[in-house]
Amino acid sequence: MSLIPSLFGNRSVFDPFSAGNWAPLSSNNELSQFTNAQVDWKETPEAHVFKADLPGLKKEEVKVEVEEGKVLQISGETSVEKEDKNEKWHRVERGRGKFLRRFRLPENAKVDQVKASMENGVLTVTVPKMEEKKPEVKSIQISGVV
């Protein structure tokens, strides 16, 4: 917990924006220094589309998996810059470490046809949907006399 001096006397105030307060727990209870990747999920008539902002990451540093049949998992790791003894860091705010997001897919998802692409730090995952079966309708001829 970070404490900052208060403008109203000598009291200290909790700083909710200090780096240590926003580090989420990953699935194996290790602290992650990379806050949860921001993900949008929209549904179109043909597919479920996920878009994740992953600035600075290469596609080789990101994994997209479908586990347990219907759980989409997006994970990866940001690398730590190499330290040079001649450099003096004044501030470190960019997230580093592992991240993991999971989404339970609906029953109509075609998990065997998932596609992913990455451009300009935005990961797009497309999960096609199964075609809805429309009930078969049989017309009955109406006669005049029964």
N, C-alpha and C. Protein backbone atom coordinates (compact mmCIF):
# COMPACT_ATOMS: atom_id res chain seq x y z
N MET A 1 0.86 -1.17 0.00
CA MET A 1 0.00 0.00 0.00
C MET A 1 0.90 1.22 0.00
N SER A 2 0.54 2.18 -0.80
CA SER A 2 1.33 3.39 -0.90
C SER A 2 0.65 4.50 -0.14
N LEU A 3 1.43 5.28 0.55
CA LEU A 3 0.88 6.42 1.26
C LEU A 3 1.48 7.68 0.67
N ILE A 4 0.64 8.68 0.43
CA ILE A 4 1.13 9.95 -0.11
C ILE A 4 0.79 11.04 0.88
N PRO A 5 1.59 12.11 0.90
CA PRO A 5 1.28 13.19 1.85
C PRO A 5 -0.03 13.86 1.48
N SER A 6 -0.78 14.25 2.46
CA SER A 6 -2.07 14.90 2.24
C SER A 6 -1.86 16.40 2.12
N LEU A 7 -2.68 17.03 1.31
CA LEU A 7 -2.65 18.49 1.21
C LEU A 7 -3.31 19.13 2.42
N PHE A 8 -4.00 18.32 3.22
CA PHE A 8 -4.76 18.83 4.36
C PHE A 8 -4.11 18.40 5.67
N GLY A 9 -2.92 18.88 5.94
CA GLY A 9 -2.26 18.55 7.20
C GLY A 9 -1.21 17.48 7.02
N ASN A 10 -0.79 16.88 8.12
CA ASN A 10 0.27 15.89 8.11
C ASN A 10 -0.23 14.47 7.99
N ARG A 11 -1.50 14.29 7.70
CA ARG A 11 -2.05 12.94 7.55
C ARG A 11 -1.55 12.32 6.26
N SER A 12 -1.52 11.00 6.21
CA SER A 12 -1.19 10.28 4.98
C SER A 12 -2.47 9.70 4.40
N VAL A 13 -2.53 9.61 3.08
CA VAL A 13 -3.72 9.16 2.39
C VAL A 13 -3.38 7.96 1.54
N PHE A 14 -4.28 7.00 1.46
CA PHE A 14 -4.09 5.82 0.62
C PHE A 14 -4.04 6.24 -0.84
N ASP A 15 -3.03 5.79 -1.59
CA ASP A 15 -2.90 6.11 -3.01
C ASP A 15 -3.39 4.92 -3.83
N PRO A 16 -4.62 4.98 -4.37
CA PRO A 16 -5.17 3.83 -5.10
C PRO A 16 -4.48 3.58 -6.43
N PHE A 17 -3.67 4.53 -6.91
CA PHE A 17 -3.05 4.38 -8.22
C PHE A 17 -1.61 3.90 -8.14
N SER A 18 -1.14 3.56 -6.96
CA SER A 18 0.22 3.04 -6.87
C SER A 18 0.28 1.68 -7.56
N ALA A 19 1.42 1.34 -8.13
CA ALA A 19 1.55 0.13 -8.96
C ALA A 19 1.16 -1.15 -8.22
N GLY A 20 1.48 -1.26 -6.97
CA GLY A 20 1.22 -2.49 -6.24
C GLY A 20 -0.24 -2.81 -6.00
N ASN A 21 -1.11 -1.81 -6.08
CA ASN A 21 -2.52 -2.03 -5.79
C ASN A 21 -3.31 -2.56 -6.97
N TRP A 22 -2.77 -2.47 -8.17
CA TRP A 22 -3.53 -2.84 -9.36
C TRP A 22 -3.02 -4.12 -9.99
N ALA A 23 -2.10 -4.82 -9.38
CA ALA A 23 -1.56 -6.05 -9.96
C ALA A 23 -2.51 -7.21 -9.65
N PRO A 24 -3.19 -7.77 -10.66
CA PRO A 24 -4.13 -8.86 -10.41
C PRO A 24 -3.42 -10.19 -10.18
N LEU A 25 -4.15 -11.14 -9.64
CA LEU A 25 -3.61 -12.48 -9.46
C LEU A 25 -3.85 -13.29 -10.73
N SER A 26 -2.86 -14.04 -11.15
CA SER A 26 -3.04 -14.92 -12.30
C SER A 26 -3.65 -16.22 -11.80
N SER A 27 -3.89 -17.16 -12.72
CA SER A 27 -4.56 -18.40 -12.36
C SER A 27 -3.77 -19.24 -11.37
N ASN A 28 -2.43 -19.09 -11.34
CA ASN A 28 -1.64 -19.88 -10.40
C ASN A 28 -1.23 -19.06 -9.18
N ASN A 29 -1.98 -17.99 -8.89
CA ASN A 29 -1.81 -17.14 -7.72
C ASN A 29 -0.48 -16.39 -7.67
N GLU A 30 0.22 -16.27 -8.80
CA GLU A 30 1.39 -15.42 -8.85
C GLU A 30 0.92 -14.01 -9.14
N LEU A 31 1.59 -13.03 -8.57
CA LEU A 31 1.23 -11.65 -8.87
C LEU A 31 1.64 -11.31 -10.28
N SER A 32 0.75 -10.73 -11.02
CA SER A 32 1.05 -10.32 -12.39
C SER A 32 1.27 -8.82 -12.40
N GLN A 33 2.36 -8.37 -12.99
CA GLN A 33 2.63 -6.95 -13.08
C GLN A 33 1.93 -6.33 -14.28
N PHE A 34 1.37 -7.14 -15.17
CA PHE A 34 0.68 -6.64 -16.35
C PHE A 34 -0.79 -6.69 -16.04
N THR A 35 -1.43 -5.54 -15.92
CA THR A 35 -2.85 -5.55 -15.60
C THR A 35 -3.60 -6.33 -16.66
N ASN A 36 -4.77 -6.81 -16.32
CA ASN A 36 -5.56 -7.60 -17.26
C ASN A 36 -5.68 -6.89 -18.60
N ALA A 37 -5.42 -7.63 -19.65
CA ALA A 37 -5.57 -7.08 -20.99
C ALA A 37 -7.02 -6.67 -21.19
N GLN A 38 -7.23 -5.53 -21.78
CA GLN A 38 -8.58 -5.03 -22.04
C GLN A 38 -9.14 -5.76 -23.26
N VAL A 39 -10.31 -6.38 -23.11
CA VAL A 39 -10.89 -7.19 -24.18
C VAL A 39 -12.33 -6.77 -24.43
N ASP A 40 -12.66 -6.57 -25.70
CA ASP A 40 -14.05 -6.34 -26.12
C ASP A 40 -14.57 -7.64 -26.72
N TRP A 41 -15.85 -7.97 -26.48
CA TRP A 41 -16.47 -9.17 -27.05
C TRP A 41 -17.78 -8.74 -27.68
N LYS A 42 -17.87 -8.92 -29.00
CA LYS A 42 -19.14 -8.61 -29.67
C LYS A 42 -19.62 -9.84 -30.41
N GLU A 43 -20.93 -9.89 -30.61
CA GLU A 43 -21.52 -11.01 -31.34
C GLU A 43 -22.16 -10.46 -32.61
N THR A 44 -21.78 -11.06 -33.73
CA THR A 44 -22.38 -10.72 -35.01
C THR A 44 -23.28 -11.89 -35.40
N PRO A 45 -24.05 -11.78 -36.48
CA PRO A 45 -24.87 -12.93 -36.89
C PRO A 45 -24.04 -14.18 -37.22
N GLU A 46 -22.77 -13.97 -37.63
CA GLU A 46 -21.94 -15.11 -38.03
C GLU A 46 -20.95 -15.59 -36.99
N ALA A 47 -20.55 -14.72 -36.02
CA ALA A 47 -19.45 -15.10 -35.13
C ALA A 47 -19.45 -14.30 -33.83
N HIS A 48 -18.63 -14.78 -32.89
CA HIS A 48 -18.27 -14.04 -31.69
C HIS A 48 -16.89 -13.47 -31.98
N VAL A 49 -16.70 -12.16 -31.77
CA VAL A 49 -15.43 -11.52 -32.09
C VAL A 49 -14.87 -10.89 -30.82
N PHE A 50 -13.61 -11.26 -30.50
CA PHE A 50 -12.91 -10.73 -29.33
C PHE A 50 -11.77 -9.85 -29.83
N LYS A 51 -11.63 -8.66 -29.24
CA LYS A 51 -10.52 -7.78 -29.57
C LYS A 51 -9.82 -7.41 -28.28
N ALA A 52 -8.50 -7.65 -28.24
CA ALA A 52 -7.71 -7.38 -27.04
C ALA A 52 -6.61 -6.39 -27.37
N ASP A 53 -6.47 -5.36 -26.55
CA ASP A 53 -5.38 -4.41 -26.70
C ASP A 53 -4.15 -4.97 -26.01
N LEU A 54 -3.10 -5.24 -26.81
CA LEU A 54 -1.85 -5.78 -26.30
C LEU A 54 -0.69 -4.96 -26.85
N PRO A 55 -0.59 -3.69 -26.46
CA PRO A 55 0.43 -2.82 -27.03
C PRO A 55 1.84 -3.31 -26.75
N GLY A 56 2.67 -3.24 -27.78
CA GLY A 56 4.07 -3.61 -27.62
C GLY A 56 4.36 -5.09 -27.71
N LEU A 57 3.33 -5.94 -27.84
CA LEU A 57 3.57 -7.38 -27.90
C LEU A 57 3.62 -7.86 -29.35
N LYS A 58 4.44 -8.88 -29.57
CA LYS A 58 4.48 -9.54 -30.88
C LYS A 58 3.56 -10.75 -30.80
N LYS A 59 3.12 -11.22 -31.97
CA LYS A 59 2.20 -12.37 -31.97
C LYS A 59 2.86 -13.60 -31.37
N GLU A 60 4.18 -13.70 -31.41
CA GLU A 60 4.88 -14.84 -30.82
C GLU A 60 4.83 -14.83 -29.29
N GLU A 61 4.49 -13.69 -28.70
CA GLU A 61 4.43 -13.57 -27.24
C GLU A 61 3.02 -13.78 -26.69
N VAL A 62 2.08 -14.11 -27.57
CA VAL A 62 0.67 -14.27 -27.18
C VAL A 62 0.20 -15.68 -27.54
N LYS A 63 -0.58 -16.30 -26.65
CA LYS A 63 -1.18 -17.61 -26.91
C LYS A 63 -2.70 -17.49 -26.88
N VAL A 64 -3.34 -18.12 -27.87
CA VAL A 64 -4.80 -18.21 -27.91
C VAL A 64 -5.13 -19.69 -27.92
N GLU A 65 -5.91 -20.13 -26.93
CA GLU A 65 -6.25 -21.55 -26.81
C GLU A 65 -7.72 -21.71 -26.47
N VAL A 66 -8.27 -22.86 -26.84
CA VAL A 66 -9.61 -23.23 -26.41
C VAL A 66 -9.42 -24.47 -25.55
N GLU A 67 -9.78 -24.36 -24.29
CA GLU A 67 -9.60 -25.50 -23.38
C GLU A 67 -10.95 -25.96 -22.85
N GLU A 68 -11.00 -27.18 -22.43
CA GLU A 68 -12.21 -27.80 -21.88
C GLU A 68 -13.39 -27.65 -22.84
N GLY A 69 -13.10 -27.58 -24.11
CA GLY A 69 -14.16 -27.53 -25.10
C GLY A 69 -14.77 -26.18 -25.35
N LYS A 70 -15.02 -25.40 -24.34
CA LYS A 70 -15.74 -24.14 -24.55
C LYS A 70 -15.15 -22.95 -23.79
N VAL A 71 -13.87 -22.98 -23.42
CA VAL A 71 -13.26 -21.85 -22.72
C VAL A 71 -12.15 -21.28 -23.59
N LEU A 72 -12.33 -20.02 -24.03
CA LEU A 72 -11.32 -19.33 -24.80
C LEU A 72 -10.33 -18.71 -23.82
N GLN A 73 -9.04 -18.97 -24.03
CA GLN A 73 -8.02 -18.44 -23.14
C GLN A 73 -7.01 -17.64 -23.95
N ILE A 74 -6.79 -16.39 -23.53
CA ILE A 74 -5.80 -15.51 -24.15
C ILE A 74 -4.75 -15.24 -23.08
N SER A 75 -3.49 -15.55 -23.37
CA SER A 75 -2.43 -15.36 -22.38
C SER A 75 -1.15 -14.92 -23.06
N GLY A 76 -0.21 -14.49 -22.26
CA GLY A 76 1.08 -14.09 -22.79
C GLY A 76 1.94 -13.50 -21.71
N GLU A 77 3.06 -12.94 -22.15
CA GLU A 77 4.00 -12.37 -21.20
C GLU A 77 4.75 -11.23 -21.86
N THR A 78 4.86 -10.12 -21.15
CA THR A 78 5.66 -9.01 -21.64
C THR A 78 7.07 -9.18 -21.11
N SER A 79 8.05 -8.88 -21.96
CA SER A 79 9.44 -9.04 -21.54
C SER A 79 9.91 -7.82 -20.76
N VAL A 80 10.85 -8.07 -19.89
CA VAL A 80 11.46 -7.00 -19.11
C VAL A 80 12.67 -6.51 -19.89
N GLU A 81 12.81 -5.18 -19.97
CA GLU A 81 13.96 -4.62 -20.68
C GLU A 81 15.23 -4.94 -19.91
N LYS A 82 16.30 -5.16 -20.68
CA LYS A 82 17.60 -5.46 -20.05
C LYS A 82 18.12 -4.20 -19.36
N GLU A 83 18.65 -4.41 -18.16
CA GLU A 83 19.20 -3.27 -17.41
C GLU A 83 20.62 -3.02 -17.84
N ASP A 84 20.95 -1.76 -17.97
CA ASP A 84 22.31 -1.35 -18.27
C ASP A 84 22.83 -0.63 -17.03
N LYS A 85 24.02 -0.98 -16.59
CA LYS A 85 24.58 -0.39 -15.36
C LYS A 85 24.73 1.13 -15.48
N ASN A 86 24.82 1.65 -16.71
CA ASN A 86 25.01 3.09 -16.90
C ASN A 86 23.70 3.86 -16.96
N GLU A 87 22.57 3.16 -16.85
CA GLU A 87 21.27 3.81 -16.94
C GLU A 87 20.68 4.02 -15.56
N LYS A 88 19.96 5.11 -15.42
CA LYS A 88 19.27 5.41 -14.16
C LYS A 88 17.79 5.56 -14.47
N TRP A 89 16.96 4.66 -13.93
CA TRP A 89 15.52 4.71 -14.15
C TRP A 89 14.91 5.71 -13.19
N HIS A 90 14.01 6.57 -13.70
CA HIS A 90 13.32 7.53 -12.86
C HIS A 90 11.90 7.09 -12.56
N ARG A 91 11.30 6.31 -13.47
CA ARG A 91 9.93 5.87 -13.27
C ARG A 91 9.68 4.64 -14.13
N VAL A 92 8.96 3.66 -13.59
CA VAL A 92 8.56 2.46 -14.33
C VAL A 92 7.07 2.27 -14.12
N GLU A 93 6.27 2.51 -15.17
CA GLU A 93 4.82 2.39 -15.05
C GLU A 93 4.24 1.36 -16.00
N ARG A 94 4.95 1.04 -17.08
CA ARG A 94 4.41 0.09 -18.05
C ARG A 94 4.39 -1.30 -17.44
N GLY A 95 3.29 -2.02 -17.70
CA GLY A 95 3.12 -3.35 -17.14
C GLY A 95 4.10 -4.35 -17.71
N ARG A 96 4.56 -5.25 -16.87
CA ARG A 96 5.46 -6.32 -17.27
C ARG A 96 5.02 -7.58 -16.56
N GLY A 97 5.24 -8.71 -17.21
CA GLY A 97 4.90 -9.98 -16.59
C GLY A 97 3.84 -10.71 -17.38
N LYS A 98 3.19 -11.66 -16.72
CA LYS A 98 2.21 -12.52 -17.38
C LYS A 98 0.81 -11.94 -17.31
N PHE A 99 -0.01 -12.30 -18.29
CA PHE A 99 -1.43 -11.95 -18.23
C PHE A 99 -2.23 -13.14 -18.74
N LEU A 100 -3.49 -13.20 -18.32
CA LEU A 100 -4.36 -14.32 -18.68
C LEU A 100 -5.80 -13.85 -18.61
N ARG A 101 -6.55 -14.10 -19.68
CA ARG A 101 -7.99 -13.82 -19.70
C ARG A 101 -8.70 -15.06 -20.21
N ARG A 102 -9.84 -15.41 -19.60
CA ARG A 102 -10.63 -16.57 -20.00
C ARG A 102 -12.07 -16.15 -20.21
N PHE A 103 -12.69 -16.77 -21.24
CA PHE A 103 -14.08 -16.49 -21.57
C PHE A 103 -14.79 -17.80 -21.86
N ARG A 104 -15.92 -18.04 -21.18
CA ARG A 104 -16.73 -19.23 -21.46
C ARG A 104 -17.54 -18.94 -22.70
N LEU A 105 -17.33 -19.77 -23.72
CA LEU A 105 -18.01 -19.56 -25.00
C LEU A 105 -19.41 -20.16 -24.95
N PRO A 106 -20.35 -19.58 -25.68
CA PRO A 106 -21.71 -20.12 -25.71
C PRO A 106 -21.78 -21.42 -26.49
N GLU A 107 -22.88 -22.12 -26.34
CA GLU A 107 -23.07 -23.43 -26.99
C GLU A 107 -22.98 -23.38 -28.51
N ASN A 108 -23.31 -22.23 -29.11
CA ASN A 108 -23.32 -22.15 -30.56
C ASN A 108 -21.95 -21.86 -31.17
N ALA A 109 -20.87 -21.88 -30.37
CA ALA A 109 -19.53 -21.58 -30.87
C ALA A 109 -18.93 -22.79 -31.58
N LYS A 110 -18.34 -22.56 -32.74
CA LYS A 110 -17.61 -23.60 -33.48
C LYS A 110 -16.15 -23.53 -33.04
N VAL A 111 -15.82 -24.23 -31.96
CA VAL A 111 -14.48 -24.12 -31.38
C VAL A 111 -13.38 -24.72 -32.27
N ASP A 112 -13.76 -25.56 -33.22
CA ASP A 112 -12.76 -26.15 -34.10
C ASP A 112 -12.41 -25.23 -35.27
N GLN A 113 -13.05 -24.05 -35.36
CA GLN A 113 -12.79 -23.13 -36.46
C GLN A 113 -12.37 -21.73 -35.98
N VAL A 114 -11.80 -21.64 -34.79
CA VAL A 114 -11.38 -20.36 -34.23
C VAL A 114 -10.19 -19.83 -35.03
N LYS A 115 -10.20 -18.52 -35.30
CA LYS A 115 -9.10 -17.87 -36.01
C LYS A 115 -8.64 -16.66 -35.20
N ALA A 116 -7.32 -16.39 -35.25
CA ALA A 116 -6.77 -15.24 -34.54
C ALA A 116 -5.80 -14.50 -35.44
N SER A 117 -5.80 -13.17 -35.31
CA SER A 117 -4.84 -12.34 -36.04
C SER A 117 -4.43 -11.19 -35.14
N MET A 118 -3.26 -10.61 -35.44
CA MET A 118 -2.77 -9.50 -34.63
C MET A 118 -2.21 -8.43 -35.53
N GLU A 119 -2.66 -7.18 -35.30
CA GLU A 119 -2.18 -6.06 -36.09
C GLU A 119 -2.12 -4.82 -35.21
N ASN A 120 -0.98 -4.15 -35.24
CA ASN A 120 -0.78 -2.90 -34.48
C ASN A 120 -1.13 -3.04 -32.99
N GLY A 121 -0.74 -4.17 -32.38
CA GLY A 121 -0.98 -4.38 -30.96
C GLY A 121 -2.40 -4.74 -30.59
N VAL A 122 -3.24 -5.05 -31.58
CA VAL A 122 -4.62 -5.46 -31.30
C VAL A 122 -4.81 -6.89 -31.79
N LEU A 123 -5.13 -7.76 -30.86
CA LEU A 123 -5.41 -9.17 -31.17
C LEU A 123 -6.89 -9.30 -31.46
N THR A 124 -7.22 -9.95 -32.60
CA THR A 124 -8.62 -10.22 -32.95
C THR A 124 -8.81 -11.72 -33.03
N VAL A 125 -9.73 -12.24 -32.22
CA VAL A 125 -10.05 -13.67 -32.23
C VAL A 125 -11.49 -13.80 -32.71
N THR A 126 -11.68 -14.60 -33.76
CA THR A 126 -13.01 -14.81 -34.33
C THR A 126 -13.44 -16.24 -34.11
N VAL A 127 -14.58 -16.42 -33.45
CA VAL A 127 -15.14 -17.74 -33.17
C VAL A 127 -16.45 -17.84 -33.95
N PRO A 128 -16.44 -18.59 -35.07
CA PRO A 128 -17.68 -18.72 -35.86
C PRO A 128 -18.80 -19.37 -35.04
N LYS A 129 -20.03 -19.05 -35.43
CA LYS A 129 -21.20 -19.61 -34.76
C LYS A 129 -21.82 -20.69 -35.64
N MET A 130 -22.42 -21.68 -34.99
CA MET A 130 -23.18 -22.70 -35.71
C MET A 130 -24.44 -22.06 -36.25
N GLU A 131 -24.86 -22.54 -37.41
CA GLU A 131 -26.09 -22.03 -37.99
C GLU A 131 -27.26 -22.50 -37.14
N GLU A 132 -28.16 -21.58 -36.85
CA GLU A 132 -29.33 -21.96 -36.07
C GLU A 132 -30.24 -22.84 -36.91
N LYS A 133 -30.64 -23.96 -36.33
CA LYS A 133 -31.58 -24.83 -37.04
C LYS A 133 -32.97 -24.22 -36.92
N LYS A 134 -33.55 -23.98 -38.08
CA LYS A 134 -34.91 -23.46 -38.07
C LYS A 134 -35.85 -24.66 -38.08
N PRO A 135 -36.89 -24.59 -37.30
CA PRO A 135 -37.81 -25.73 -37.25
C PRO A 135 -38.43 -25.96 -38.64
N GLU A 136 -38.51 -27.25 -38.98
CA GLU A 136 -39.10 -27.61 -40.26
C GLU A 136 -40.61 -27.40 -40.17
N VAL A 137 -41.13 -26.70 -41.15
CA VAL A 137 -42.55 -26.40 -41.16
C VAL A 137 -43.17 -27.14 -42.35
N LYS A 138 -44.20 -27.92 -42.06
CA LYS A 138 -44.88 -28.67 -43.10
C LYS A 138 -46.28 -28.07 -43.26
N SER A 139 -46.57 -27.67 -44.50
CA SER A 139 -47.89 -27.10 -44.76
C SER A 139 -48.91 -28.23 -44.90
N ILE A 140 -50.06 -27.99 -44.34
CA ILE A 140 -51.15 -28.97 -44.40
C ILE A 140 -52.24 -28.41 -45.31
N GLN A 141 -52.63 -29.23 -46.27
CA GLN A 141 -53.69 -28.84 -47.19
C GLN A 141 -55.01 -28.85 -46.43
N ILE A 142 -55.79 -27.82 -46.61
CA ILE A 142 -57.08 -27.73 -45.95
C ILE A 142 -58.15 -28.14 -46.95
N SER A 143 -58.92 -29.14 -46.59
CA SER A 143 -60.00 -29.57 -47.49
C SER A 143 -61.31 -28.94 -47.02
N GLY A 144 -62.27 -28.99 -47.88
CA GLY A 144 -63.57 -28.39 -47.58
C GLY A 144 -64.44 -29.26 -46.70
N VAL A 145 -64.38 -30.60 -46.80
CA VAL A 145 -65.26 -31.49 -46.06
C VAL A 145 -64.37 -32.48 -45.29
N VAL A 146 -64.75 -32.68 -44.05
CA VAL A 146 -64.00 -33.63 -43.22
C VAL A 146 -64.79 -34.86 -42.95
